[in-house]
Amino acid sequence: RELIGRVRRFLPEVAIRSTFILGYPGETEEEFKELLVFLD
């Protein structure tokens, strides 16, 4: 979160892409929902 904020401060119009792996061994429903909140 700190990095994304720093990148956007340096480059206000930056486009950020990322990829995510779903269902990595041990991923619980709570951990998945945390990812949903993060992306939101």
PDB file of all heavy atoms in Angstrom:
ATOM      1  N   ARG A   1       0.832  -1.210   0.000  1.00  0.00           N
ATOM      2  CA  ARG A   1       0.000   0.000   0.000  1.00  0.00           C
ATOM      3  C   ARG A   1       0.866   1.259   0.000  1.00  0.00           C
ATOM      4  O   ARG A   1       0.577   2.229  -0.715  1.00  0.00           O
ATOM      5  CB  ARG A   1      -0.919   0.000   1.226  1.00  0.00           C
ATOM      6  CG  ARG A   1      -2.093  -0.975   1.138  1.00  0.00           C
ATOM      7  CD  ARG A   1      -2.885  -0.991   2.434  1.00  0.00           C
ATOM      8  NE  ARG A   1      -4.061  -1.836   2.357  1.00  0.00           N
ATOM      9  CZ  ARG A   1      -5.270  -1.430   1.973  1.00  0.00           C
ATOM     10  NH1 ARG A   1      -5.448  -0.155   1.633  1.00  0.00           N
ATOM     11  NH2 ARG A   1      -6.285  -2.271   1.940  1.00  0.00           N
ATOM     12  N   GLU A   2       1.928   1.229   0.793  1.00  0.00           N
ATOM     13  CA  GLU A   2       2.828   2.392   0.838  1.00  0.00           C
ATOM     14  C   GLU A   2       3.477   2.622  -0.517  1.00  0.00           C
ATOM     15  O   GLU A   2       3.597   3.761  -0.976  1.00  0.00           O
ATOM     16  CB  GLU A   2       3.893   2.163   1.916  1.00  0.00           C
ATOM     17  CG  GLU A   2       4.766   3.382   2.209  1.00  0.00           C
ATOM     18  CD  GLU A   2       5.889   3.578   1.199  1.00  0.00           C
ATOM     19  OE1 GLU A   2       6.378   2.569   0.648  1.00  0.00           O
ATOM     20  OE2 GLU A   2       6.274   4.747   0.952  1.00  0.00           O
ATOM     21  N   LEU A   3       3.877   1.540  -1.179  1.00  0.00           N
ATOM     22  CA  LEU A   3       4.518   1.662  -2.491  1.00  0.00           C
ATOM     23  C   LEU A   3       3.568   2.259  -3.523  1.00  0.00           C
ATOM     24  O   LEU A   3       3.943   3.180  -4.256  1.00  0.00           O
ATOM     25  CB  LEU A   3       4.997   0.291  -2.965  1.00  0.00           C
ATOM     26  CG  LEU A   3       5.480   0.247  -4.421  1.00  0.00           C
ATOM     27  CD1 LEU A   3       6.719   1.100  -4.591  1.00  0.00           C
ATOM     28  CD2 LEU A   3       5.715  -1.180  -4.878  1.00  0.00           C
ATOM     29  N   ILE A   4       2.336   1.757  -3.576  1.00  0.00           N
ATOM     30  CA  ILE A   4       1.383   2.277  -4.554  1.00  0.00           C
ATOM     31  C   ILE A   4       1.136   3.764  -4.318  1.00  0.00           C
ATOM     32  O   ILE A   4       1.076   4.563  -5.259  1.00  0.00           O
ATOM     33  CB  ILE A   4       0.067   1.476  -4.499  1.00  0.00           C
ATOM     34  CG1 ILE A   4       0.320   0.046  -5.019  1.00  0.00           C
ATOM     35  CG2 ILE A   4      -1.030   2.152  -5.315  1.00  0.00           C
ATOM     36  CD1 ILE A   4      -0.864  -0.884  -4.853  1.00  0.00           C
ATOM     37  N   GLY A   5       1.033   4.163  -3.047  1.00  0.00           N
ATOM     38  CA  GLY A   5       0.872   5.581  -2.733  1.00  0.00           C
ATOM     39  C   GLY A   5       2.070   6.399  -3.185  1.00  0.00           C
ATOM     40  O   GLY A   5       1.926   7.504  -3.730  1.00  0.00           O
ATOM     41  N   ARG A   6       3.268   5.864  -2.960  1.00  0.00           N
ATOM     42  CA  ARG A   6       4.498   6.573  -3.357  1.00  0.00           C
ATOM     43  C   ARG A   6       4.593   6.696  -4.874  1.00  0.00           C
ATOM     44  O   ARG A   6       4.959   7.758  -5.403  1.00  0.00           O
ATOM     45  CB  ARG A   6       5.707   5.839  -2.784  1.00  0.00           C
ATOM     46  CG  ARG A   6       7.050   6.440  -3.126  1.00  0.00           C
ATOM     47  CD  ARG A   6       8.107   6.040  -2.104  1.00  0.00           C
ATOM     48  NE  ARG A   6       7.961   4.659  -1.661  1.00  0.00           N
ATOM     49  CZ  ARG A   6       8.650   3.641  -2.186  1.00  0.00           C
ATOM     50  NH1 ARG A   6       9.507   3.842  -3.166  1.00  0.00           N
ATOM     51  NH2 ARG A   6       8.483   2.417  -1.705  1.00  0.00           N
ATOM     52  N   VAL A   7       4.277   5.624  -5.585  1.00  0.00           N
ATOM     53  CA  VAL A   7       4.306   5.663  -7.048  1.00  0.00           C
ATOM     54  C   VAL A   7       3.347   6.724  -7.566  1.00  0.00           C
ATOM     55  O   VAL A   7       3.685   7.516  -8.454  1.00  0.00           O
ATOM     56  CB  VAL A   7       3.941   4.277  -7.631  1.00  0.00           C
ATOM     57  CG1 VAL A   7       3.681   4.370  -9.136  1.00  0.00           C
ATOM     58  CG2 VAL A   7       5.053   3.271  -7.363  1.00  0.00           C
ATOM     59  N   ARG A   8       2.151   6.782  -6.993  1.00  0.00           N
ATOM     60  CA  ARG A   8       1.166   7.746  -7.467  1.00  0.00           C
ATOM     61  C   ARG A   8       1.530   9.180  -7.104  1.00  0.00           C
ATOM     62  O   ARG A   8       1.143  10.117  -7.807  1.00  0.00           O
ATOM     63  CB  ARG A   8      -0.216   7.371  -6.912  1.00  0.00           C
ATOM     64  CG  ARG A   8      -0.812   6.157  -7.636  1.00  0.00           C
ATOM     65  CD  ARG A   8      -2.068   5.636  -6.983  1.00  0.00           C
ATOM     66  NE  ARG A   8      -2.755   4.670  -7.842  1.00  0.00           N
ATOM     67  CZ  ARG A   8      -3.686   3.837  -7.446  1.00  0.00           C
ATOM     68  NH1 ARG A   8      -4.087   3.847  -6.161  1.00  0.00           N
ATOM     69  NH2 ARG A   8      -4.257   2.996  -8.275  1.00  0.00           N
ATOM     70  N   ARG A   9       2.279   9.358  -6.019  1.00  0.00           N
ATOM     71  CA  ARG A   9       2.744  10.715  -5.698  1.00  0.00           C
ATOM     72  C   ARG A   9       3.786  11.172  -6.703  1.00  0.00           C
ATOM     73  O   ARG A   9       3.794  12.338  -7.121  1.00  0.00           O
ATOM     74  CB  ARG A   9       3.299  10.766  -4.275  1.00  0.00           C
ATOM     75  CG  ARG A   9       2.234  10.713  -3.184  1.00  0.00           C
ATOM     76  CD  ARG A   9       2.791  11.078  -1.827  1.00  0.00           C
ATOM     77  NE  ARG A   9       3.822  10.131  -1.380  1.00  0.00           N
ATOM     78  CZ  ARG A   9       3.568   9.006  -0.730  1.00  0.00           C
ATOM     79  NH1 ARG A   9       2.304   8.652  -0.470  1.00  0.00           N
ATOM     80  NH2 ARG A   9       4.544   8.211  -0.350  1.00  0.00           N
ATOM     81  N   PHE A  10       4.694  10.293  -7.078  1.00  0.00           N
ATOM     82  CA  PHE A  10       5.722  10.632  -8.064  1.00  0.00           C
ATOM     83  C   PHE A  10       5.116  10.817  -9.453  1.00  0.00           C
ATOM     84  O   PHE A  10       5.493  11.730 -10.190  1.00  0.00           O
ATOM     85  CB  PHE A  10       6.787   9.524  -8.123  1.00  0.00           C
ATOM     86  CG  PHE A  10       8.001   9.789  -7.292  1.00  0.00           C
ATOM     87  CD1 PHE A  10       8.031   9.406  -5.972  1.00  0.00           C
ATOM     88  CD2 PHE A  10       9.113  10.417  -7.828  1.00  0.00           C
ATOM     89  CE1 PHE A  10       9.155   9.634  -5.183  1.00  0.00           C
ATOM     90  CE2 PHE A  10      10.239  10.657  -7.056  1.00  0.00           C
ATOM     91  CZ  PHE A  10      10.266  10.271  -5.725  1.00  0.00           C
ATOM     92  N   LEU A  11       4.181   9.932  -9.808  1.00  0.00           N
ATOM     93  CA  LEU A  11       3.624   9.884 -11.168  1.00  0.00           C
ATOM     94  C   LEU A  11       2.100   9.927 -11.066  1.00  0.00           C
ATOM     95  O   LEU A  11       1.431   8.899 -11.131  1.00  0.00           O
ATOM     96  CB  LEU A  11       4.067   8.595 -11.868  1.00  0.00           C
ATOM     97  CG  LEU A  11       5.569   8.276 -11.842  1.00  0.00           C
ATOM     98  CD1 LEU A  11       5.824   6.860 -12.339  1.00  0.00           C
ATOM     99  CD2 LEU A  11       6.355   9.285 -12.676  1.00  0.00           C
ATOM    100  N   PRO A  12       1.525  11.117 -10.905  1.00  0.00           N
ATOM    101  CA  PRO A  12       0.084  11.219 -10.630  1.00  0.00           C
ATOM    102  C   PRO A  12      -0.813  10.560 -11.673  1.00  0.00           C
ATOM    103  O   PRO A  12      -1.925  10.135 -11.339  1.00  0.00           O
ATOM    104  CB  PRO A  12      -0.144  12.735 -10.580  1.00  0.00           C
ATOM    105  CG  PRO A  12       1.182  13.306 -10.206  1.00  0.00           C
ATOM    106  CD  PRO A  12       2.201  12.429 -10.872  1.00  0.00           C
ATOM    107  N   GLU A  13      -0.370  10.470 -12.926  1.00  0.00           N
ATOM    108  CA  GLU A  13      -1.210   9.884 -13.964  1.00  0.00           C
ATOM    109  C   GLU A  13      -0.750   8.479 -14.341  1.00  0.00           C
ATOM    110  O   GLU A  13      -1.073   7.973 -15.420  1.00  0.00           O
ATOM    111  CB  GLU A  13      -1.241  10.789 -15.191  1.00  0.00           C
ATOM    112  CG  GLU A  13      -1.895  12.140 -14.907  1.00  0.00           C
ATOM    113  CD  GLU A  13      -2.142  12.946 -16.153  1.00  0.00           C
ATOM    114  OE1 GLU A  13      -1.679  12.531 -17.230  1.00  0.00           O
ATOM    115  OE2 GLU A  13      -2.819  13.982 -16.053  1.00  0.00           O
ATOM    116  N   VAL A  14      -0.019   7.842 -13.458  1.00  0.00           N
ATOM    117  CA  VAL A  14       0.505   6.512 -13.754  1.00  0.00           C
ATOM    118  C   VAL A  14      -0.620   5.492 -13.931  1.00  0.00           C
ATOM    119  O   VAL A  14      -1.648   5.560 -13.258  1.00  0.00           O
ATOM    120  CB  VAL A  14       1.478   6.047 -12.645  1.00  0.00           C
ATOM    121  CG1 VAL A  14       0.733   5.795 -11.338  1.00  0.00           C
ATOM    122  CG2 VAL A  14       2.269   4.818 -13.069  1.00  0.00           C
ATOM    123  N   ALA A  15      -0.419   4.565 -14.854  1.00  0.00           N
ATOM    124  CA  ALA A  15      -1.302   3.411 -14.999  1.00  0.00           C
ATOM    125  C   ALA A  15      -0.595   2.224 -14.352  1.00  0.00           C
ATOM    126  O   ALA A  15       0.550   1.922 -14.690  1.00  0.00           O
ATOM    127  CB  ALA A  15      -1.583   3.133 -16.472  1.00  0.00           C
ATOM    128  N   ILE A  16      -1.274   1.573 -13.421  1.00  0.00           N
ATOM    129  CA  ILE A  16      -0.686   0.442 -12.701  1.00  0.00           C
ATOM    130  C   ILE A  16      -1.422  -0.831 -13.062  1.00  0.00           C
ATOM    131  O   ILE A  16      -2.655  -0.904 -12.955  1.00  0.00           O
ATOM    132  CB  ILE A  16      -0.721   0.659 -11.180  1.00  0.00           C
ATOM    133  CG1 ILE A  16       0.066   1.916 -10.797  1.00  0.00           C
ATOM    134  CG2 ILE A  16      -0.157  -0.559 -10.456  1.00  0.00           C
ATOM    135  CD1 ILE A  16       0.033   2.234  -9.312  1.00  0.00           C
ATOM    136  N   ARG A  17      -0.667  -1.823 -13.510  1.00  0.00           N
ATOM    137  CA  ARG A  17      -1.201  -3.157 -13.796  1.00  0.00           C
ATOM    138  C   ARG A  17      -0.626  -4.136 -12.793  1.00  0.00           C
ATOM    139  O   ARG A  17       0.517  -3.993 -12.357  1.00  0.00           O
ATOM    140  CB  ARG A  17      -0.824  -3.595 -15.214  1.00  0.00           C
ATOM    141  CG  ARG A  17      -0.626  -5.095 -15.358  1.00  0.00           C
ATOM    142  CD  ARG A  17      -0.459  -5.558 -16.769  1.00  0.00           C
ATOM    143  NE  ARG A  17      -1.756  -5.638 -17.420  1.00  0.00           N
ATOM    144  CZ  ARG A  17      -2.613  -6.644 -17.268  1.00  0.00           C
ATOM    145  NH1 ARG A  17      -2.322  -7.657 -16.466  1.00  0.00           N
ATOM    146  NH2 ARG A  17      -3.759  -6.649 -17.899  1.00  0.00           N
ATOM    147  N   SER A  18      -1.404  -5.149 -12.443  1.00  0.00           N
ATOM    148  CA  SER A  18      -0.876  -6.218 -11.614  1.00  0.00           C
ATOM    149  C   SER A  18      -1.598  -7.515 -11.921  1.00  0.00           C
ATOM    150  O   SER A  18      -2.650  -7.520 -12.579  1.00  0.00           O
ATOM    151  CB  SER A  18      -1.000  -5.898 -10.119  1.00  0.00           C
ATOM    152  OG  SER A  18      -0.267  -6.843  -9.354  1.00  0.00           O
ATOM    153  N   THR A  19      -1.009  -8.612 -11.467  1.00  0.00           N
ATOM    154  CA  THR A  19      -1.621  -9.927 -11.610  1.00  0.00           C
ATOM    155  C   THR A  19      -1.689 -10.588 -10.240  1.00  0.00           C
ATOM    156  O   THR A  19      -0.838 -10.350  -9.380  1.00  0.00           O
ATOM    157  CB  THR A  19      -0.817 -10.811 -12.570  1.00  0.00           C
ATOM    158  OG1 THR A  19       0.561 -10.774 -12.202  1.00  0.00           O
ATOM    159  CG2 THR A  19      -0.953 -10.324 -14.000  1.00  0.00           C
ATOM    160  N   PHE A  20      -2.694 -11.442 -10.067  1.00  0.00           N
ATOM    161  CA  PHE A  20      -2.922 -12.085  -8.778  1.00  0.00           C
ATOM    162  C   PHE A  20      -3.214 -13.567  -8.986  1.00  0.00           C
ATOM    163  O   PHE A  20      -3.845 -13.960  -9.968  1.00  0.00           O
ATOM    164  CB  PHE A  20      -4.078 -11.413  -8.042  1.00  0.00           C
ATOM    165  CG  PHE A  20      -3.802  -9.978  -7.715  1.00  0.00           C
ATOM    166  CD1 PHE A  20      -4.096  -8.977  -8.636  1.00  0.00           C
ATOM    167  CD2 PHE A  20      -3.204  -9.622  -6.513  1.00  0.00           C
ATOM    168  CE1 PHE A  20      -3.814  -7.654  -8.353  1.00  0.00           C
ATOM    169  CE2 PHE A  20      -2.915  -8.297  -6.227  1.00  0.00           C
ATOM    170  CZ  PHE A  20      -3.215  -7.312  -7.148  1.00  0.00           C
ATOM    171  N   ILE A  21      -2.723 -14.367  -8.059  1.00  0.00           N
ATOM    172  CA  ILE A  21      -2.953 -15.804  -8.074  1.00  0.00           C
ATOM    173  C   ILE A  21      -4.063 -16.127  -7.074  1.00  0.00           C
ATOM    174  O   ILE A  21      -3.955 -15.765  -5.898  1.00  0.00           O
ATOM    175  CB  ILE A  21      -1.674 -16.572  -7.715  1.00  0.00           C
ATOM    176  CG1 ILE A  21      -0.589 -16.312  -8.774  1.00  0.00           C
ATOM    177  CG2 ILE A  21      -1.948 -18.069  -7.614  1.00  0.00           C
ATOM    178  CD1 ILE A  21       0.756 -16.906  -8.432  1.00  0.00           C
ATOM    179  N   LEU A  22      -5.101 -16.784  -7.539  1.00  0.00           N
ATOM    180  CA  LEU A  22      -6.230 -17.141  -6.675  1.00  0.00           C
ATOM    181  C   LEU A  22      -6.176 -18.628  -6.345  1.00  0.00           C
ATOM    182  O   LEU A  22      -5.921 -19.460  -7.218  1.00  0.00           O
ATOM    183  CB  LEU A  22      -7.562 -16.822  -7.358  1.00  0.00           C
ATOM    184  CG  LEU A  22      -8.007 -15.351  -7.396  1.00  0.00           C
ATOM    185  CD1 LEU A  22      -7.972 -14.741  -6.004  1.00  0.00           C
ATOM    186  CD2 LEU A  22      -7.160 -14.528  -8.348  1.00  0.00           C
ATOM    187  N   GLY A  23      -6.433 -18.941  -5.082  1.00  0.00           N
ATOM    188  CA  GLY A  23      -6.488 -20.331  -4.668  1.00  0.00           C
ATOM    189  C   GLY A  23      -5.130 -20.952  -4.423  1.00  0.00           C
ATOM    190  O   GLY A  23      -4.976 -22.174  -4.532  1.00  0.00           O
ATOM    191  N   TYR A  24      -4.152 -20.116  -4.048  1.00  0.00           N
ATOM    192  CA  TYR A  24      -2.864 -20.687  -3.659  1.00  0.00           C
ATOM    193  C   TYR A  24      -3.093 -21.579  -2.435  1.00  0.00           C
ATOM    194  O   TYR A  24      -3.960 -21.288  -1.609  1.00  0.00           O
ATOM    195  CB  TYR A  24      -1.878 -19.559  -3.322  1.00  0.00           C
ATOM    196  CG  TYR A  24      -0.447 -20.022  -3.163  1.00  0.00           C
ATOM    197  CD1 TYR A  24       0.352 -20.248  -4.277  1.00  0.00           C
ATOM    198  CD2 TYR A  24       0.094 -20.238  -1.905  1.00  0.00           C
ATOM    199  CE1 TYR A  24       1.678 -20.671  -4.136  1.00  0.00           C
ATOM    200  CE2 TYR A  24       1.406 -20.671  -1.753  1.00  0.00           C
ATOM    201  CZ  TYR A  24       2.195 -20.881  -2.876  1.00  0.00           C
ATOM    202  OH  TYR A  24       3.479 -21.319  -2.729  1.00  0.00           O
ATOM    203  N   PRO A  25      -2.339 -22.686  -2.306  1.00  0.00           N
ATOM    204  CA  PRO A  25      -2.587 -23.614  -1.196  1.00  0.00           C
ATOM    205  C   PRO A  25      -2.729 -22.919   0.156  1.00  0.00           C
ATOM    206  O   PRO A  25      -1.884 -22.109   0.535  1.00  0.00           O
ATOM    207  CB  PRO A  25      -1.357 -24.526  -1.225  1.00  0.00           C
ATOM    208  CG  PRO A  25      -0.960 -24.548  -2.669  1.00  0.00           C
ATOM    209  CD  PRO A  25      -1.247 -23.164  -3.177  1.00  0.00           C
ATOM    210  N   GLY A  26      -3.825 -23.230   0.833  1.00  0.00           N
ATOM    211  CA  GLY A  26      -4.078 -22.656   2.153  1.00  0.00           C
ATOM    212  C   GLY A  26      -4.861 -21.363   2.137  1.00  0.00           C
ATOM    213  O   GLY A  26      -5.248 -20.870   3.203  1.00  0.00           O
ATOM    214  N   GLU A  27      -5.127 -20.779   0.957  1.00  0.00           N
ATOM    215  CA  GLU A  27      -5.872 -19.519   0.907  1.00  0.00           C
ATOM    216  C   GLU A  27      -7.288 -19.738   1.442  1.00  0.00           C
ATOM    217  O   GLU A  27      -8.061 -20.506   0.881  1.00  0.00           O
ATOM    218  CB  GLU A  27      -5.935 -18.984  -0.522  1.00  0.00           C
ATOM    219  CG  GLU A  27      -6.654 -17.632  -0.615  1.00  0.00           C
ATOM    220  CD  GLU A  27      -6.952 -17.230  -2.049  1.00  0.00           C
ATOM    221  OE1 GLU A  27      -7.617 -18.021  -2.762  1.00  0.00           O
ATOM    222  OE2 GLU A  27      -6.537 -16.136  -2.460  1.00  0.00           O
ATOM    223  N   THR A  28      -7.612 -19.046   2.514  1.00  0.00           N
ATOM    224  CA  THR A  28      -8.940 -19.160   3.117  1.00  0.00           C
ATOM    225  C   THR A  28      -9.890 -18.148   2.487  1.00  0.00           C
ATOM    226  O   THR A  28      -9.477 -17.230   1.761  1.00  0.00           O
ATOM    227  CB  THR A  28      -8.876 -18.901   4.625  1.00  0.00           C
ATOM    228  OG1 THR A  28      -8.491 -17.527   4.841  1.00  0.00           O
ATOM    229  CG2 THR A  28      -7.876 -19.831   5.304  1.00  0.00           C
ATOM    230  N   GLU A  29     -11.168 -18.297   2.775  1.00  0.00           N
ATOM    231  CA  GLU A  29     -12.153 -17.352   2.269  1.00  0.00           C
ATOM    232  C   GLU A  29     -11.890 -15.960   2.839  1.00  0.00           C
ATOM    233  O   GLU A  29     -12.063 -14.952   2.139  1.00  0.00           O
ATOM    234  CB  GLU A  29     -13.560 -17.823   2.626  1.00  0.00           C
ATOM    235  CG  GLU A  29     -14.662 -17.208   1.790  1.00  0.00           C
ATOM    236  CD  GLU A  29     -14.605 -17.607   0.314  1.00  0.00           C
ATOM    237  OE1 GLU A  29     -14.026 -18.663  -0.015  1.00  0.00           O
ATOM    238  OE2 GLU A  29     -15.149 -16.843  -0.512  1.00  0.00           O
ATOM    239  N   GLU A  30     -11.443 -15.890   4.104  1.00  0.00           N
ATOM    240  CA  GLU A  30     -11.146 -14.596   4.721  1.00  0.00           C
ATOM    241  C   GLU A  30      -9.958 -13.930   4.033  1.00  0.00           C
ATOM    242  O   GLU A  30      -9.944 -12.711   3.799  1.00  0.00           O
ATOM    243  CB  GLU A  30     -10.859 -14.771   6.207  1.00  0.00           C
ATOM    244  CG  GLU A  30     -12.072 -15.140   7.056  1.00  0.00           C
ATOM    245  CD  GLU A  30     -12.549 -16.568   6.809  1.00  0.00           C
ATOM    246  OE1 GLU A  30     -11.710 -17.403   6.376  1.00  0.00           O
ATOM    247  OE2 GLU A  30     -13.740 -16.840   7.039  1.00  0.00           O
ATOM    248  N   GLU A  31      -8.938 -14.707   3.701  1.00  0.00           N
ATOM    249  CA  GLU A  31      -7.764 -14.152   3.017  1.00  0.00           C
ATOM    250  C   GLU A  31      -8.126 -13.672   1.613  1.00  0.00           C
ATOM    251  O   GLU A  31      -7.631 -12.640   1.154  1.00  0.00           O
ATOM    252  CB  GLU A  31      -6.648 -15.199   2.970  1.00  0.00           C
ATOM    253  CG  GLU A  31      -6.032 -15.472   4.335  1.00  0.00           C
ATOM    254  CD  GLU A  31      -5.153 -16.698   4.354  1.00  0.00           C
ATOM    255  OE1 GLU A  31      -5.293 -17.574   3.463  1.00  0.00           O
ATOM    256  OE2 GLU A  31      -4.305 -16.806   5.264  1.00  0.00           O
ATOM    257  N   PHE A  32      -8.997 -14.417   0.934  1.00  0.00           N
ATOM    258  CA  PHE A  32      -9.464 -13.988  -0.382  1.00  0.00           C
ATOM    259  C   PHE A  32     -10.259 -12.687  -0.277  1.00  0.00           C
ATOM    260  O   PHE A  32     -10.073 -11.762  -1.077  1.00  0.00           O
ATOM    261  CB  PHE A  32     -10.315 -15.077  -1.020  1.00  0.00           C
ATOM    262  CG  PHE A  32     -11.084 -14.601  -2.218  1.00  0.00           C
ATOM    263  CD1 PHE A  32     -10.426 -14.242  -3.387  1.00  0.00           C
ATOM    264  CD2 PHE A  32     -12.466 -14.478  -2.166  1.00  0.00           C
ATOM    265  CE1 PHE A  32     -11.135 -13.782  -4.495  1.00  0.00           C
ATOM    266  CE2 PHE A  32     -13.179 -14.025  -3.270  1.00  0.00           C
ATOM    267  CZ  PHE A  32     -12.505 -13.672  -4.438  1.00  0.00           C
ATOM    268  N   LYS A  33     -11.141 -12.593   0.719  1.00  0.00           N
ATOM    269  CA  LYS A  33     -11.937 -11.379   0.880  1.00  0.00           C
ATOM    270  C   LYS A  33     -11.048 -10.174   1.190  1.00  0.00           C
ATOM    271  O   LYS A  33     -11.359  -9.042   0.797  1.00  0.00           O
ATOM    272  CB  LYS A  33     -12.980 -11.580   1.983  1.00  0.00           C
ATOM    273  CG  LYS A  33     -14.107 -12.513   1.575  1.00  0.00           C
ATOM    274  CD  LYS A  33     -15.102 -12.731   2.705  1.00  0.00           C
ATOM    275  CE  LYS A  33     -16.222 -13.669   2.275  1.00  0.00           C
ATOM    276  NZ  LYS A  33     -17.170 -13.942   3.388  1.00  0.00           N
ATOM    277  N   GLU A  34      -9.946 -10.409   1.870  1.00  0.00           N
ATOM    278  CA  GLU A  34      -8.998  -9.322   2.136  1.00  0.00           C
ATOM    279  C   GLU A  34      -8.404  -8.800   0.830  1.00  0.00           C
ATOM    280  O   GLU A  34      -8.186  -7.601   0.679  1.00  0.00           O
ATOM    281  CB  GLU A  34      -7.885  -9.815   3.063  1.00  0.00           C
ATOM    282  CG  GLU A  34      -6.993  -8.705   3.592  1.00  0.00           C
ATOM    283  CD  GLU A  34      -6.000  -9.203   4.612  1.00  0.00           C
ATOM    284  OE1 GLU A  34      -6.345 -10.117   5.404  1.00  0.00           O
ATOM    285  OE2 GLU A  34      -4.863  -8.688   4.606  1.00  0.00           O
ATOM    286  N   LEU A  35      -8.160  -9.709  -0.117  1.00  0.00           N
ATOM    287  CA  LEU A  35      -7.685  -9.292  -1.434  1.00  0.00           C
ATOM    288  C   LEU A  35      -8.740  -8.470  -2.152  1.00  0.00           C
ATOM    289  O   LEU A  35      -8.436  -7.451  -2.783  1.00  0.00           O
ATOM    290  CB  LEU A  35      -7.297 -10.519  -2.265  1.00  0.00           C
ATOM    291  CG  LEU A  35      -6.911 -10.262  -3.724  1.00  0.00           C
ATOM    292  CD1 LEU A  35      -5.736  -9.296  -3.825  1.00  0.00           C
ATOM    293  CD2 LEU A  35      -6.578 -11.591  -4.422  1.00  0.00           C
ATOM    294  N   LEU A  36     -10.001  -8.887  -2.069  1.00  0.00           N
ATOM    295  CA  LEU A  36     -11.093  -8.124  -2.676  1.00  0.00           C
ATOM    296  C   LEU A  36     -11.143  -6.695  -2.127  1.00  0.00           C
ATOM    297  O   LEU A  36     -11.283  -5.727  -2.873  1.00  0.00           O
ATOM    298  CB  LEU A  36     -12.427  -8.811  -2.423  1.00  0.00           C
ATOM    299  CG  LEU A  36     -12.845  -9.961  -3.345  1.00  0.00           C
ATOM    300  CD1 LEU A  36     -14.148 -10.572  -2.847  1.00  0.00           C
ATOM    301  CD2 LEU A  36     -13.007  -9.483  -4.781  1.00  0.00           C
ATOM    302  N   VAL A  37     -11.024  -6.560  -0.803  1.00  0.00           N
ATOM    303  CA  VAL A  37     -11.051  -5.233  -0.172  1.00  0.00           C
ATOM    304  C   VAL A  37      -9.855  -4.407  -0.629  1.00  0.00           C
ATOM    305  O   VAL A  37      -9.987  -3.217  -0.960  1.00  0.00           O
ATOM    306  CB  VAL A  37     -11.068  -5.370   1.367  1.00  0.00           C
ATOM    307  CG1 VAL A  37     -10.865  -4.015   2.021  1.00  0.00           C
ATOM    308  CG2 VAL A  37     -12.383  -5.998   1.828  1.00  0.00           C
ATOM    309  N   PHE A  38      -8.693  -5.028  -0.670  1.00  0.00           N
ATOM    310  CA  PHE A  38      -7.478  -4.341  -1.110  1.00  0.00           C
ATOM    311  C   PHE A  38      -7.658  -3.779  -2.524  1.00  0.00           C
ATOM    312  O   PHE A  38      -7.368  -2.601  -2.787  1.00  0.00           O
ATOM    313  CB  PHE A  38      -6.299  -5.324  -1.070  1.00  0.00           C
ATOM    314  CG  PHE A  38      -5.048  -4.818  -1.723  1.00  0.00           C
ATOM    315  CD1 PHE A  38      -4.157  -4.016  -1.029  1.00  0.00           C
ATOM    316  CD2 PHE A  38      -4.751  -5.168  -3.032  1.00  0.00           C
ATOM    317  CE1 PHE A  38      -2.994  -3.553  -1.639  1.00  0.00           C
ATOM    318  CE2 PHE A  38      -3.592  -4.710  -3.651  1.00  0.00           C
ATOM    319  CZ  PHE A  38      -2.717  -3.904  -2.949  1.00  0.00           C
ATOM    320  N   LEU A  39      -8.150  -4.600  -3.438  1.00  0.00           N
ATOM    321  CA  LEU A  39      -8.316  -4.144  -4.823  1.00  0.00           C
ATOM    322  C   LEU A  39      -9.410  -3.086  -4.938  1.00  0.00           C
ATOM    323  O   LEU A  39      -9.325  -2.181  -5.764  1.00  0.00           O
ATOM    324  CB  LEU A  39      -8.632  -5.337  -5.724  1.00  0.00           C
ATOM    325  CG  LEU A  39      -7.457  -6.283  -5.980  1.00  0.00           C
ATOM    326  CD1 LEU A  39      -7.915  -7.523  -6.734  1.00  0.00           C
ATOM    327  CD2 LEU A  39      -6.358  -5.574  -6.748  1.00  0.00           C
ATOM    328  N   ASP A  40     -10.430  -3.188  -4.098  1.00  0.00           N
ATOM    329  CA  ASP A  40     -11.495  -2.192  -4.111  1.00  0.00           C
ATOM    330  C   ASP A  40     -10.965  -0.834  -3.665  1.00  0.00           C
ATOM    331  O   ASP A  40     -11.387   0.208  -4.165  1.00  0.00           O
ATOM    332  CB  ASP A  40     -12.637  -2.648  -3.204  1.00  0.00           C
ATOM    333  CG  ASP A  40     -13.936  -1.948  -3.520  1.00  0.00           C
ATOM    334  OD1 ASP A  40     -14.221  -1.739  -4.713  1.00  0.00           O
ATOM    335  OD2 ASP A  40     -14.671  -1.605  -2.580  1.00  0.00           O
TER     336      ASP A  40
END
